[in-house]
Protein backbone atom coordinates (compact mmCIF):
# COMPACT_ATOMS: atom_id res chain seq x y z
CA ALA A 1 0.00 0.00 0.00
CA ASP A 2 1.16 3.53 -0.74
CA LEU A 3 -1.04 4.91 2.03
CA ILE A 4 -2.49 3.33 5.17
CA PHE A 5 -5.28 4.72 7.33
CA THR A 6 -6.07 2.96 10.58
CA THR A 7 -8.57 3.65 13.37
CA SER A 8 -6.09 2.39 15.95
CA GLN A 9 -2.96 4.13 17.23
CA ASP A 10 -1.67 0.69 18.16
CA MET A 11 -1.84 -0.31 14.49
CA VAL A 12 0.37 2.64 13.58
CA GLU A 13 2.97 1.08 15.86
CA PHE A 14 2.34 -2.31 14.25
CA PHE A 15 3.28 -0.91 10.86
CA GLY A 16 6.56 0.39 12.25
CA ARG A 17 5.51 4.06 12.27
CA ARG A 18 5.71 4.25 8.49
CA PRO A 19 5.50 7.89 7.35
CA ASP A 20 2.61 6.93 5.04
CA CYS A 21 0.55 5.33 7.84
CA TYR A 22 -1.97 7.66 9.49
CA TYR A 23 -4.08 7.32 12.60
CA LEU A 24 -7.66 8.14 11.65
CA PRO A 25 -10.17 7.45 14.44
CA ASN A 26 -13.92 7.32 13.99
CA GLY A 27 -15.92 10.46 13.37
CA ILE A 28 -19.58 11.34 13.73
CA ARG A 29 -22.38 12.54 11.49
CA TRP A 30 -22.73 15.83 13.35
CA GLN A 31 -26.11 16.83 11.91
CA HIS A 32 -27.58 13.59 13.23
CA PHE A 33 -26.86 14.70 16.80
CA LYS A 34 -27.01 18.48 16.50
CA ASP A 35 -30.73 18.84 17.19
CA LEU A 36 -31.82 16.24 19.70
CA PRO A 37 -35.36 14.87 19.17
CA LYS A 38 -37.99 15.31 21.85
CA LEU A 39 -39.74 11.95 21.52
CA VAL A 40 -38.35 8.58 22.59
CA GLY A 41 -39.59 5.03 23.11
CA ARG A 42 -41.65 4.21 26.17
CA ASP A 43 -39.15 1.51 27.13
CA ILE A 44 -36.79 4.20 28.43
CA ALA A 45 -39.22 7.05 29.09
CA GLN A 46 -40.91 5.08 31.88
CA LEU A 47 -37.76 4.03 33.71
CA PRO A 48 -36.81 5.52 37.11
CA ARG A 49 -34.20 8.26 37.02
CA PRO A 50 -31.35 8.90 37.10
CA ILE A 51 -30.60 6.86 34.01
CA ILE A 52 -27.09 5.56 33.38
CA GLY A 53 -26.80 4.43 29.77
CA TYR A 54 -24.66 2.54 27.30
CA VAL A 55 -25.01 2.14 23.53
CA GLY A 56 -23.19 -0.63 21.69
CA ILE A 57 -22.84 -4.32 21.01
CA ILE A 58 -22.74 -6.43 24.17
CA GLN A 59 -19.92 -8.92 23.58
CA GLN A 60 -17.49 -10.88 25.69
CA ASP A 61 -14.32 -9.22 24.35
CA ARG A 62 -15.62 -5.74 25.14
CA ILE A 63 -17.96 -5.47 28.13
CA ASP A 64 -16.70 -5.60 31.72
CA LEU A 65 -19.54 -7.35 33.56
CA ASP A 66 -17.80 -6.95 36.92
CA ILE A 67 -17.90 -3.16 36.67
CA ILE A 68 -21.56 -3.20 35.64
CA ALA A 69 -22.47 -5.54 38.51
CA TYR A 70 -20.61 -3.35 40.99
CA LEU A 71 -22.27 -0.16 39.76
CA ALA A 72 -25.78 -1.58 39.73
CA ASP A 73 -25.38 -3.16 43.16
CA ALA A 74 -23.95 0.05 44.66
CA ASN A 75 -26.70 2.20 43.14
CA PRO A 76 -30.00 0.31 43.51
CA LYS A 77 -32.12 3.42 42.88
CA LYS A 78 -30.46 4.24 39.57
CA SER A 79 -31.46 2.67 36.25
CA PHE A 80 -28.68 1.11 34.19
CA ILE A 81 -29.78 0.64 30.59
CA PHE A 82 -28.02 -1.06 27.70
CA ILE A 83 -28.98 -0.38 24.11
CA GLY A 84 -27.67 -2.85 21.57
CA PRO A 85 -27.73 -6.57 20.80
CA VAL A 86 -26.29 -9.13 23.21
CA TRP A 87 -24.20 -11.67 21.36
CA ALA A 88 -25.71 -15.15 21.58
CA ASN A 89 -22.59 -16.77 23.02
CA PHE A 90 -22.44 -14.13 25.77
CA LYS A 91 -26.03 -14.27 27.03
CA LYS A 92 -25.40 -16.96 29.65
CA GLN A 93 -22.55 -14.97 31.20
CA VAL A 94 -24.64 -11.80 31.22
CA THR A 95 -27.55 -13.56 32.89
CA ALA A 96 -25.34 -15.26 35.46
CA LYS A 97 -23.61 -12.01 36.44
CA LEU A 98 -26.43 -9.49 36.13
CA GLY A 99 -29.70 -11.40 35.94
CA HIS A 100 -30.53 -10.87 39.63
CA LEU A 101 -30.21 -7.07 39.45
CA ASN A 102 -33.60 -5.37 39.09
CA ASN A 103 -32.16 -2.01 38.03
CA VAL A 104 -30.38 -3.28 34.91
CA TYR A 105 -32.43 -3.03 31.72
CA TRP A 106 -31.69 -4.47 28.28
CA LEU A 107 -33.51 -2.46 25.60
CA GLY A 108 -32.08 -4.34 22.64
CA ARG A 109 -31.11 -3.10 19.22
CA LYS A 110 -32.29 0.34 18.12
CA HIS A 111 -32.18 1.93 14.69
CA TYR A 112 -29.37 4.40 14.09
CA TRP A 113 -31.90 7.22 13.71
CA GLU A 114 -33.25 6.54 17.21
CA ILE A 115 -29.92 6.68 19.02
CA PRO A 116 -29.78 10.46 19.67
CA ALA A 117 -33.26 10.33 21.21
CA TYR A 118 -32.23 7.57 23.59
CA ILE A 119 -28.91 9.16 24.55
CA SER A 120 -30.77 12.40 25.25
CA LYS A 121 -32.52 10.59 28.12
CA PHE A 122 -29.24 9.52 29.77
CA ASP A 123 -28.14 11.36 32.89
CA VAL A 124 -24.67 9.86 32.51
CA ALA A 125 -23.27 7.83 29.60
CA ILE A 126 -20.82 5.05 30.39
CA VAL A 127 -18.21 2.94 28.61
CA PRO A 128 -17.56 -0.04 30.93
CA HIS A 129 -15.15 -1.75 28.56
CA LEU A 130 -12.46 -4.28 29.28
CA VAL A 131 -8.93 -2.95 28.93
CA ASN A 132 -7.46 -5.69 26.75
CA ASP A 133 -5.77 -6.42 23.41
CA PHE A 134 -9.11 -6.37 21.59
CA GLY A 135 -9.71 -2.81 22.76
CA LYS A 136 -6.32 -1.65 21.49
CA HIS A 137 -7.56 -1.98 17.92
CA THR A 138 -10.89 -0.22 18.32
CA SER A 139 -12.04 3.37 17.99
CA LEU A 140 -14.84 4.41 20.33
CA LEU A 141 -17.50 6.03 18.20
CA LYS A 142 -19.89 5.95 21.17
CA VAL A 143 -17.79 8.46 23.14
CA LEU A 144 -18.22 11.00 20.34
CA GLU A 145 -21.95 10.27 20.16
CA TYR A 146 -22.32 10.78 23.91
CA LEU A 147 -20.38 14.05 23.76
CA ALA A 148 -22.38 15.24 20.76
CA CYS A 149 -25.48 14.91 22.93
CA GLY A 150 -23.74 16.92 25.68
CA LYS A 151 -23.75 14.03 28.15
CA PRO A 152 -21.21 13.49 30.93
CA VAL A 153 -19.16 10.39 30.17
CA VAL A 154 -17.40 7.91 32.45
CA SER A 155 -15.18 5.33 30.77
CA THR A 156 -12.47 2.80 31.44
CA PRO A 157 -9.13 3.91 29.91
CA THR A 158 -9.47 2.02 26.64
CA ALA A 159 -7.87 2.95 23.30
CA GLY A 160 -8.61 6.50 22.19
CA THR A 161 -10.19 7.73 25.41
CA ASN A 162 -7.10 9.64 26.51
CA ALA A 163 -7.71 12.11 23.69
CA PHE A 164 -10.90 13.20 25.46
CA LYS A 165 -9.63 13.22 29.04
CA ASN A 166 -10.48 16.91 29.40
CA VAL A 167 -14.19 16.29 28.83
CA ILE A 168 -14.73 12.73 30.11
CA LYS A 169 -13.87 10.92 33.33
CA LEU A 170 -11.59 7.86 33.23
CA ALA A 171 -11.59 5.10 35.86
CA ASP A 172 -9.71 1.81 35.89
CA THR A 173 -11.42 0.00 38.81
CA PRO A 174 -15.08 -0.59 39.74
CA ASP A 175 -14.80 1.61 42.83
CA LYS A 176 -13.14 4.50 40.96
CA PHE A 177 -15.71 4.13 38.19
CA ASN A 178 -18.52 4.42 40.72
CA GLN A 179 -16.99 7.48 42.34
CA ALA A 180 -16.58 9.14 38.93
CA LEU A 181 -20.19 8.30 38.13
CA LEU A 182 -21.44 9.97 41.31
CA VAL A 183 -19.40 13.09 40.61
CA ALA A 184 -20.70 13.21 37.04
CA LEU A 185 -24.28 13.06 38.30
CA GLU A 186 -23.75 15.90 40.75
CA SER A 187 -22.00 18.33 38.41
CA ASN A 188 -23.46 18.60 34.93
CA LEU A 189 -23.46 22.32 34.23
CA GLU A 190 -24.73 23.83 31.00
CA ARG A 191 -21.28 25.19 30.16
CA ASP A 192 -19.92 21.63 30.43
CA GLN A 193 -22.60 20.37 28.04
CA ILE A 194 -21.69 23.09 25.54
CA LYS A 195 -18.00 22.20 25.81
CA ARG A 196 -18.68 18.52 25.18
CA ARG A 197 -20.74 19.25 22.09
CA HIS A 198 -18.05 21.63 20.82
CA VAL A 199 -15.42 18.90 21.18
CA ALA A 200 -17.59 16.38 19.32
CA ALA A 201 -18.15 18.87 16.49
CA GLN A 202 -14.39 18.82 15.78
CA HIS A 203 -14.53 15.11 14.94
CA THR A 204 -16.92 14.82 12.03
CA TRP A 205 -16.73 12.37 9.14
CA THR A 206 -16.45 15.39 6.82
CA LYS A 207 -13.22 16.46 8.53
CA ARG A 208 -11.95 12.87 8.50
CA ALA A 209 -12.60 12.64 4.75
CA GLN A 210 -10.86 15.97 4.15
CA PHE A 211 -7.80 14.69 6.02
CA MET A 212 -7.73 11.52 3.92
CA LEU A 213 -8.11 13.40 0.64
CA GLU A 214 -5.29 15.76 1.51
CA LYS A 215 -2.97 12.80 2.10
CA VAL A 216 -4.14 11.09 -1.09
CA TYR A 217 -3.63 14.20 -3.23
CA THR A 218 -0.21 14.81 -1.69
CA LYS A 219 0.79 11.22 -2.43
CA LEU A 220 -0.43 11.48 -6.04
CA ALA A 221 1.42 14.76 -6.55
CA THR A 222 4.72 13.33 -5.31
CA THR A 223 4.52 9.92 -6.98
CA VAL A 224 6.52 9.66 -10.16
């Protein structure tokens, strides 16, 4: 390849830091999140608040069930909702670890167009991901989606999250995660919401495409 674009900083290292290999994380469709819809499904509208939410595929290489169990057990009056499909080979583990918790709700897969409406109902958005080799090669689109909706975010320190450390809270243990969650609930000022949305607006797919085209045109201009 004459040019390489990868969504993982770790993959840049894998390719030996070639000068023609560029880190290009996920972006968002800003207009999709700019004006949050007012209506949302009853499955979330009727849940007790505060609502702690997650959007994404529930799979064994990604989700830290121990953190979720700790959070839900420590906060019985808070609703923990998960939007996205649960992989078939992971359902038994999920049920065994979380099935007894009455404040954990599985809302299933939602259409892309519904996601902003659901996130708008979150009081805090979370990323309880495992910190492992699988995570090194991912790019967290959900963090940008949460920020685009102005929501406070608490995440484990997985790949790419360090770039947003000024607008999200990072925690590497269940206890620290819970403490960060409580702080996020107590301090969610309007100026913080504006800042989060401003940060998200800097990471659009349009800007990502512009970056790629610049590199492509430069390569074409210098190739004999």
